[in-house]
Amino acid sequence: VLLEDPTPEPTEVKAGPLGFAVWIFMILAVVV
């Protein structure tokens, strides 16, 4: 499995809107 499973390129990995929402939630939680 380790030999056949290719590692994705850095340009193929993106956080997207869910990652952005998590960061915003964490910032708001720290402020509160």
PDB file of all heavy atoms in Angstrom:
ATOM      1  N   VAL A   1       0.840  -1.200   0.000  1.00  0.00           N
ATOM      2  CA  VAL A   1       0.000   0.000   0.000  1.00  0.00           C
ATOM      3  C   VAL A   1       0.874   1.248   0.000  1.00  0.00           C
ATOM      4  O   VAL A   1       0.597   2.218  -0.717  1.00  0.00           O
ATOM      5  CB  VAL A   1      -0.956  -0.014   1.208  1.00  0.00           C
ATOM      6  CG1 VAL A   1      -1.639   1.334   1.375  1.00  0.00           C
ATOM      7  CG2 VAL A   1      -1.989  -1.109   1.058  1.00  0.00           C
ATOM      8  N   LEU A   2       1.931   1.250   0.793  1.00  0.00           N
ATOM      9  CA  LEU A   2       2.812   2.417   0.848  1.00  0.00           C
ATOM     10  C   LEU A   2       3.530   2.645  -0.477  1.00  0.00           C
ATOM     11  O   LEU A   2       3.761   3.788  -0.880  1.00  0.00           O
ATOM     12  CB  LEU A   2       3.830   2.255   1.970  1.00  0.00           C
ATOM     13  CG  LEU A   2       3.274   2.385   3.395  1.00  0.00           C
ATOM     14  CD1 LEU A   2       4.367   2.097   4.414  1.00  0.00           C
ATOM     15  CD2 LEU A   2       2.679   3.748   3.624  1.00  0.00           C
ATOM     16  N   LEU A   3       3.881   1.588  -1.175  1.00  0.00           N
ATOM     17  CA  LEU A   3       4.571   1.734  -2.454  1.00  0.00           C
ATOM     18  C   LEU A   3       3.634   2.186  -3.565  1.00  0.00           C
ATOM     19  O   LEU A   3       4.028   2.935  -4.449  1.00  0.00           O
ATOM     20  CB  LEU A   3       5.250   0.421  -2.851  1.00  0.00           C
ATOM     21  CG  LEU A   3       6.456   0.020  -1.997  1.00  0.00           C
ATOM     22  CD1 LEU A   3       6.955  -1.354  -2.427  1.00  0.00           C
ATOM     23  CD2 LEU A   3       7.563   1.038  -2.114  1.00  0.00           C
ATOM     24  N   GLU A   4       2.387   1.763  -3.518  1.00  0.00           N
ATOM     25  CA  GLU A   4       1.437   2.094  -4.580  1.00  0.00           C
ATOM     26  C   GLU A   4       0.705   3.422  -4.340  1.00  0.00           C
ATOM     27  O   GLU A   4       0.170   3.992  -5.275  1.00  0.00           O
ATOM     28  CB  GLU A   4       0.412   0.970  -4.722  1.00  0.00           C
ATOM     29  CG  GLU A   4       0.997  -0.307  -5.274  1.00  0.00           C
ATOM     30  CD  GLU A   4      -0.050  -1.402  -5.405  1.00  0.00           C
ATOM     31  OE1 GLU A   4      -1.231  -1.138  -5.069  1.00  0.00           O
ATOM     32  OE2 GLU A   4       0.307  -2.495  -5.825  1.00  0.00           O
ATOM     33  N   ASP A   5       0.648   3.881  -3.104  1.00  0.00           N
ATOM     34  CA  ASP A   5      -0.110   5.092  -2.770  1.00  0.00           C
ATOM     35  C   ASP A   5       0.744   6.323  -3.053  1.00  0.00           C
ATOM     36  O   ASP A   5       1.668   6.629  -2.314  1.00  0.00           O
ATOM     37  CB  ASP A   5      -0.514   5.053  -1.296  1.00  0.00           C
ATOM     38  CG  ASP A   5      -1.500   6.141  -0.955  1.00  0.00           C
ATOM     39  OD1 ASP A   5      -2.200   6.619  -1.864  1.00  0.00           O
ATOM     40  OD2 ASP A   5      -1.586   6.501   0.229  1.00  0.00           O
ATOM     41  N   PRO A   6       0.420   7.057  -4.125  1.00  0.00           N
ATOM     42  CA  PRO A   6       1.236   8.230  -4.446  1.00  0.00           C
ATOM     43  C   PRO A   6       0.890   9.400  -3.512  1.00  0.00           C
ATOM     44  O   PRO A   6      -0.254   9.590  -3.113  1.00  0.00           O
ATOM     45  CB  PRO A   6       0.864   8.552  -5.884  1.00  0.00           C
ATOM     46  CG  PRO A   6      -0.534   8.053  -6.022  1.00  0.00           C
ATOM     47  CD  PRO A   6      -0.616   6.834  -5.125  1.00  0.00           C
ATOM     48  N   THR A   7       1.863  10.184  -3.169  1.00  0.00           N
ATOM     49  CA  THR A   7       1.658  11.381  -2.364  1.00  0.00           C
ATOM     50  C   THR A   7       1.156  12.491  -3.278  1.00  0.00           C
ATOM     51  O   THR A   7       1.713  12.727  -4.340  1.00  0.00           O
ATOM     52  CB  THR A   7       2.984  11.811  -1.717  1.00  0.00           C
ATOM     53  OG1 THR A   7       3.507  10.718  -0.981  1.00  0.00           O
ATOM     54  CG2 THR A   7       2.799  12.996  -0.813  1.00  0.00           C
ATOM     55  N   PRO A   8       0.092  13.193  -2.871  1.00  0.00           N
ATOM     56  CA  PRO A   8      -0.425  14.270  -3.723  1.00  0.00           C
ATOM     57  C   PRO A   8       0.555  15.443  -3.786  1.00  0.00           C
ATOM     58  O   PRO A   8       1.307  15.703  -2.846  1.00  0.00           O
ATOM     59  CB  PRO A   8      -1.730  14.685  -3.048  1.00  0.00           C
ATOM     60  CG  PRO A   8      -1.612  14.201  -1.654  1.00  0.00           C
ATOM     61  CD  PRO A   8      -0.710  13.018  -1.666  1.00  0.00           C
ATOM     62  N   GLU A   9       0.530  16.141  -4.893  1.00  0.00           N
ATOM     63  CA  GLU A   9       1.363  17.327  -5.074  1.00  0.00           C
ATOM     64  C   GLU A   9       0.802  18.463  -4.207  1.00  0.00           C
ATOM     65  O   GLU A   9      -0.386  18.505  -3.916  1.00  0.00           O
ATOM     66  CB  GLU A   9       1.351  17.746  -6.543  1.00  0.00           C
ATOM     67  CG  GLU A   9       1.987  16.733  -7.480  1.00  0.00           C
ATOM     68  CD  GLU A   9       3.461  16.520  -7.189  1.00  0.00           C
ATOM     69  OE1 GLU A   9       4.154  17.513  -6.873  1.00  0.00           O
ATOM     70  OE2 GLU A   9       3.909  15.364  -7.270  1.00  0.00           O
ATOM     71  N   PRO A  10       1.636  19.416  -3.815  1.00  0.00           N
ATOM     72  CA  PRO A  10       1.148  20.538  -2.998  1.00  0.00           C
ATOM     73  C   PRO A  10       0.057  21.353  -3.690  1.00  0.00           C
ATOM     74  O   PRO A  10      -0.791  21.941  -3.021  1.00  0.00           O
ATOM     75  CB  PRO A  10       2.398  21.389  -2.774  1.00  0.00           C
ATOM     76  CG  PRO A  10       3.536  20.447  -2.924  1.00  0.00           C
ATOM     77  CD  PRO A  10       3.085  19.432  -3.941  1.00  0.00           C
ATOM     78  N   THR A  11       0.048  21.395  -5.017  1.00  0.00           N
ATOM     79  CA  THR A  11      -0.984  22.149  -5.722  1.00  0.00           C
ATOM     80  C   THR A  11      -2.309  21.404  -5.758  1.00  0.00           C
ATOM     81  O   THR A  11      -3.342  21.994  -6.051  1.00  0.00           O
ATOM     82  CB  THR A  11      -0.538  22.442  -7.165  1.00  0.00           C
ATOM     83  OG1 THR A  11      -0.229  21.206  -7.824  1.00  0.00           O
ATOM     84  CG2 THR A  11       0.681  23.345  -7.168  1.00  0.00           C
ATOM     85  N   GLU A  12      -2.301  20.111  -5.466  1.00  0.00           N
ATOM     86  CA  GLU A  12      -3.530  19.320  -5.478  1.00  0.00           C
ATOM     87  C   GLU A  12      -4.269  19.367  -4.142  1.00  0.00           C
ATOM     88  O   GLU A  12      -5.427  18.978  -4.069  1.00  0.00           O
ATOM     89  CB  GLU A  12      -3.208  17.863  -5.806  1.00  0.00           C
ATOM     90  CG  GLU A  12      -2.639  17.658  -7.201  1.00  0.00           C
ATOM     91  CD  GLU A  12      -2.216  16.226  -7.425  1.00  0.00           C
ATOM     92  OE1 GLU A  12      -2.176  15.441  -6.451  1.00  0.00           O
ATOM     93  OE2 GLU A  12      -1.913  15.883  -8.573  1.00  0.00           O
ATOM     94  N   VAL A  13      -3.635  19.840  -3.102  1.00  0.00           N
ATOM     95  CA  VAL A  13      -4.231  19.853  -1.765  1.00  0.00           C
ATOM     96  C   VAL A  13      -4.663  21.271  -1.431  1.00  0.00           C
ATOM     97  O   VAL A  13      -3.856  22.191  -1.433  1.00  0.00           O
ATOM     98  CB  VAL A  13      -3.214  19.346  -0.721  1.00  0.00           C
ATOM     99  CG1 VAL A  13      -3.821  19.368   0.665  1.00  0.00           C
ATOM    100  CG2 VAL A  13      -2.724  17.965  -1.084  1.00  0.00           C
ATOM    101  N   LYS A  14      -5.954  21.436  -1.129  1.00  0.00           N
ATOM    102  CA  LYS A  14      -6.500  22.744  -0.779  1.00  0.00           C
ATOM    103  C   LYS A  14      -7.440  22.585   0.407  1.00  0.00           C
ATOM    104  O   LYS A  14      -8.132  21.578   0.541  1.00  0.00           O
ATOM    105  CB  LYS A  14      -7.263  23.345  -1.954  1.00  0.00           C
ATOM    106  CG  LYS A  14      -6.370  23.631  -3.140  1.00  0.00           C
ATOM    107  CD  LYS A  14      -7.142  24.228  -4.268  1.00  0.00           C
ATOM    108  CE  LYS A  14      -6.210  24.449  -5.450  1.00  0.00           C
ATOM    109  NZ  LYS A  14      -6.893  24.934  -6.614  1.00  0.00           N
ATOM    110  N   ALA A  15      -7.469  23.592   1.281  1.00  0.00           N
ATOM    111  CA  ALA A  15      -8.317  23.533   2.465  1.00  0.00           C
ATOM    112  C   ALA A  15      -9.781  23.757   2.100  1.00  0.00           C
ATOM    113  O   ALA A  15     -10.658  23.098   2.622  1.00  0.00           O
ATOM    114  CB  ALA A  15      -7.869  24.560   3.488  1.00  0.00           C
ATOM    115  N   GLY A  16     -10.041  24.697   1.240  1.00  0.00           N
ATOM    116  CA  GLY A  16     -11.402  24.968   0.822  1.00  0.00           C
ATOM    117  C   GLY A  16     -12.175  25.784   1.834  1.00  0.00           C
ATOM    118  O   GLY A  16     -11.643  26.268   2.827  1.00  0.00           O
ATOM    119  N   PRO A  17     -13.472  25.922   1.617  1.00  0.00           N
ATOM    120  CA  PRO A  17     -14.299  26.756   2.488  1.00  0.00           C
ATOM    121  C   PRO A  17     -14.458  26.175   3.898  1.00  0.00           C
ATOM    122  O   PRO A  17     -14.606  26.918   4.858  1.00  0.00           O
ATOM    123  CB  PRO A  17     -15.644  26.837   1.783  1.00  0.00           C
ATOM    124  CG  PRO A  17     -15.604  25.842   0.687  1.00  0.00           C
ATOM    125  CD  PRO A  17     -14.196  25.446   0.459  1.00  0.00           C
ATOM    126  N   LEU A  18     -14.416  24.861   4.029  1.00  0.00           N
ATOM    127  CA  LEU A  18     -14.544  24.268   5.358  1.00  0.00           C
ATOM    128  C   LEU A  18     -13.338  24.631   6.226  1.00  0.00           C
ATOM    129  O   LEU A  18     -13.495  24.979   7.407  1.00  0.00           O
ATOM    130  CB  LEU A  18     -14.685  22.746   5.261  1.00  0.00           C
ATOM    131  CG  LEU A  18     -14.841  22.015   6.595  1.00  0.00           C
ATOM    132  CD1 LEU A  18     -16.107  22.477   7.302  1.00  0.00           C
ATOM    133  CD2 LEU A  18     -14.858  20.522   6.382  1.00  0.00           C
ATOM    134  N   GLY A  19     -12.159  24.596   5.664  1.00  0.00           N
ATOM    135  CA  GLY A  19     -10.962  24.997   6.408  1.00  0.00           C
ATOM    136  C   GLY A  19     -11.008  26.456   6.808  1.00  0.00           C
ATOM    137  O   GLY A  19     -10.628  26.819   7.926  1.00  0.00           O
ATOM    138  N   PHE A  20     -11.496  27.312   5.914  1.00  0.00           N
ATOM    139  CA  PHE A  20     -11.645  28.734   6.222  1.00  0.00           C
ATOM    140  C   PHE A  20     -12.641  28.937   7.350  1.00  0.00           C
ATOM    141  O   PHE A  20     -12.411  29.723   8.273  1.00  0.00           O
ATOM    142  CB  PHE A  20     -12.086  29.494   4.964  1.00  0.00           C
ATOM    143  CG  PHE A  20     -12.246  30.964   5.180  1.00  0.00           C
ATOM    144  CD1 PHE A  20     -11.139  31.776   5.362  1.00  0.00           C
ATOM    145  CD2 PHE A  20     -13.504  31.533   5.193  1.00  0.00           C
ATOM    146  CE1 PHE A  20     -11.287  33.135   5.559  1.00  0.00           C
ATOM    147  CE2 PHE A  20     -13.661  32.888   5.379  1.00  0.00           C
ATOM    148  CZ  PHE A  20     -12.550  33.692   5.570  1.00  0.00           C
ATOM    149  N   ALA A  21     -13.756  28.214   7.315  1.00  0.00           N
ATOM    150  CA  ALA A  21     -14.774  28.324   8.356  1.00  0.00           C
ATOM    151  C   ALA A  21     -14.221  27.869   9.713  1.00  0.00           C
ATOM    152  O   ALA A  21     -14.521  28.471  10.749  1.00  0.00           O
ATOM    153  CB  ALA A  21     -16.005  27.509   7.980  1.00  0.00           C
ATOM    154  N   VAL A  22     -13.416  26.829   9.709  1.00  0.00           N
ATOM    155  CA  VAL A  22     -12.819  26.355  10.965  1.00  0.00           C
ATOM    156  C   VAL A  22     -11.895  27.422  11.545  1.00  0.00           C
ATOM    157  O   VAL A  22     -11.915  27.684  12.749  1.00  0.00           O
ATOM    158  CB  VAL A  22     -12.071  25.027  10.738  1.00  0.00           C
ATOM    159  CG1 VAL A  22     -11.217  24.663  11.928  1.00  0.00           C
ATOM    160  CG2 VAL A  22     -13.056  23.911  10.437  1.00  0.00           C
ATOM    161  N   TRP A  23     -11.082  28.065  10.703  1.00  0.00           N
ATOM    162  CA  TRP A  23     -10.188  29.116  11.186  1.00  0.00           C
ATOM    163  C   TRP A  23     -10.980  30.291  11.751  1.00  0.00           C
ATOM    164  O   TRP A  23     -10.632  30.839  12.794  1.00  0.00           O
ATOM    165  CB  TRP A  23      -9.272  29.605  10.067  1.00  0.00           C
ATOM    166  CG  TRP A  23      -8.051  28.768   9.938  1.00  0.00           C
ATOM    167  CD1 TRP A  23      -7.791  27.831   8.995  1.00  0.00           C
ATOM    168  CD2 TRP A  23      -6.912  28.775  10.802  1.00  0.00           C
ATOM    169  NE1 TRP A  23      -6.566  27.261   9.216  1.00  0.00           N
ATOM    170  CE2 TRP A  23      -6.000  27.822  10.315  1.00  0.00           C
ATOM    171  CE3 TRP A  23      -6.580  29.507  11.935  1.00  0.00           C
ATOM    172  CZ2 TRP A  23      -4.784  27.581  10.941  1.00  0.00           C
ATOM    173  CZ3 TRP A  23      -5.366  29.257  12.549  1.00  0.00           C
ATOM    174  CH2 TRP A  23      -4.491  28.314  12.045  1.00  0.00           C
ATOM    175  N   ILE A  24     -12.033  30.708  11.075  1.00  0.00           N
ATOM    176  CA  ILE A  24     -12.861  31.817  11.558  1.00  0.00           C
ATOM    177  C   ILE A  24     -13.491  31.451  12.898  1.00  0.00           C
ATOM    178  O   ILE A  24     -13.510  32.257  13.839  1.00  0.00           O
ATOM    179  CB  ILE A  24     -13.939  32.193  10.518  1.00  0.00           C
ATOM    180  CG1 ILE A  24     -13.287  32.725   9.247  1.00  0.00           C
ATOM    181  CG2 ILE A  24     -14.924  33.211  11.084  1.00  0.00           C
ATOM    182  CD1 ILE A  24     -12.471  33.983   9.440  1.00  0.00           C
ATOM    183  N   PHE A  25     -13.998  30.221  13.014  1.00  0.00           N
ATOM    184  CA  PHE A  25     -14.602  29.770  14.267  1.00  0.00           C
ATOM    185  C   PHE A  25     -13.569  29.783  15.393  1.00  0.00           C
ATOM    186  O   PHE A  25     -13.870  30.211  16.517  1.00  0.00           O
ATOM    187  CB  PHE A  25     -15.191  28.366  14.103  1.00  0.00           C
ATOM    188  CG  PHE A  25     -15.713  27.792  15.381  1.00  0.00           C
ATOM    189  CD1 PHE A  25     -16.907  28.238  15.917  1.00  0.00           C
ATOM    190  CD2 PHE A  25     -14.993  26.829  16.070  1.00  0.00           C
ATOM    191  CE1 PHE A  25     -17.392  27.725  17.108  1.00  0.00           C
ATOM    192  CE2 PHE A  25     -15.457  26.303  17.253  1.00  0.00           C
ATOM    193  CZ  PHE A  25     -16.663  26.757  17.780  1.00  0.00           C
ATOM    194  N   MET A  26     -12.364  29.331  15.118  1.00  0.00           N
ATOM    195  CA  MET A  26     -11.327  29.301  16.153  1.00  0.00           C
ATOM    196  C   MET A  26     -10.942  30.721  16.585  1.00  0.00           C
ATOM    197  O   MET A  26     -10.741  30.975  17.773  1.00  0.00           O
ATOM    198  CB  MET A  26     -10.100  28.541  15.656  1.00  0.00           C
ATOM    199  CG  MET A  26     -10.353  27.064  15.564  1.00  0.00           C
ATOM    200  SD  MET A  26      -8.990  25.970  15.104  1.00  0.00           S
ATOM    201  CE  MET A  26      -7.654  26.970  14.657  1.00  0.00           C
ATOM    202  N   ILE A  27     -10.868  31.643  15.653  1.00  0.00           N
ATOM    203  CA  ILE A  27     -10.549  33.033  15.994  1.00  0.00           C
ATOM    204  C   ILE A  27     -11.654  33.622  16.861  1.00  0.00           C
ATOM    205  O   ILE A  27     -11.381  34.271  17.882  1.00  0.00           O
ATOM    206  CB  ILE A  27     -10.331  33.865  14.715  1.00  0.00           C
ATOM    207  CG1 ILE A  27      -9.031  33.435  14.040  1.00  0.00           C
ATOM    208  CG2 ILE A  27     -10.313  35.356  15.026  1.00  0.00           C
ATOM    209  CD1 ILE A  27      -8.840  34.014  12.653  1.00  0.00           C
ATOM    210  N   LEU A  28     -12.901  33.409  16.490  1.00  0.00           N
ATOM    211  CA  LEU A  28     -14.018  33.913  17.285  1.00  0.00           C
ATOM    212  C   LEU A  28     -14.052  33.281  18.673  1.00  0.00           C
ATOM    213  O   LEU A  28     -14.352  33.959  19.663  1.00  0.00           O
ATOM    214  CB  LEU A  28     -15.342  33.670  16.554  1.00  0.00           C
ATOM    215  CG  LEU A  28     -15.555  34.492  15.295  1.00  0.00           C
ATOM    216  CD1 LEU A  28     -16.853  34.073  14.605  1.00  0.00           C
ATOM    217  CD2 LEU A  28     -15.591  35.971  15.622  1.00  0.00           C
ATOM    218  N   ALA A  29     -13.745  32.001  18.762  1.00  0.00           N
ATOM    219  CA  ALA A  29     -13.723  31.325  20.066  1.00  0.00           C
ATOM    220  C   ALA A  29     -12.648  31.926  20.968  1.00  0.00           C
ATOM    221  O   ALA A  29     -12.891  32.154  22.162  1.00  0.00           O
ATOM    222  CB  ALA A  29     -13.493  29.831  19.873  1.00  0.00           C
ATOM    223  N   VAL A  30     -11.482  32.226  20.430  1.00  0.00           N
ATOM    224  CA  VAL A  30     -10.412  32.833  21.227  1.00  0.00           C
ATOM    225  C   VAL A  30     -10.816  34.224  21.696  1.00  0.00           C
ATOM    226  O   VAL A  30     -10.562  34.599  22.846  1.00  0.00           O
ATOM    227  CB  VAL A  30      -9.095  32.868  20.423  1.00  0.00           C
ATOM    228  CG1 VAL A  30      -8.053  33.739  21.102  1.00  0.00           C
ATOM    229  CG2 VAL A  30      -8.561  31.460  20.235  1.00  0.00           C
ATOM    230  N   VAL A  31     -11.473  34.993  20.844  1.00  0.00           N
ATOM    231  CA  VAL A  31     -11.920  36.338  21.222  1.00  0.00           C
ATOM    232  C   VAL A  31     -12.950  36.255  22.352  1.00  0.00           C
ATOM    233  O   VAL A  31     -12.868  37.002  23.343  1.00  0.00           O
ATOM    234  CB  VAL A  31     -12.484  37.094  20.000  1.00  0.00           C
ATOM    235  CG1 VAL A  31     -13.207  38.359  20.413  1.00  0.00           C
ATOM    236  CG2 VAL A  31     -11.365  37.401  19.022  1.00  0.00           C
ATOM    237  N   VAL A  32     -13.909  35.353  22.242  1.00  0.00           N
ATOM    238  CA  VAL A  32     -14.932  35.199  23.285  1.00  0.00           C
ATOM    239  C   VAL A  32     -14.289  34.764  24.603  1.00  0.00           C
ATOM    240  O   VAL A  32     -14.619  35.287  25.671  1.00  0.00           O
ATOM    241  CB  VAL A  32     -16.016  34.192  22.834  1.00  0.00           C
ATOM    242  CG1 VAL A  32     -16.908  33.788  23.991  1.00  0.00           C
ATOM    243  CG2 VAL A  32     -16.836  34.786  21.709  1.00  0.00           C
TER     244      VAL A  32
END
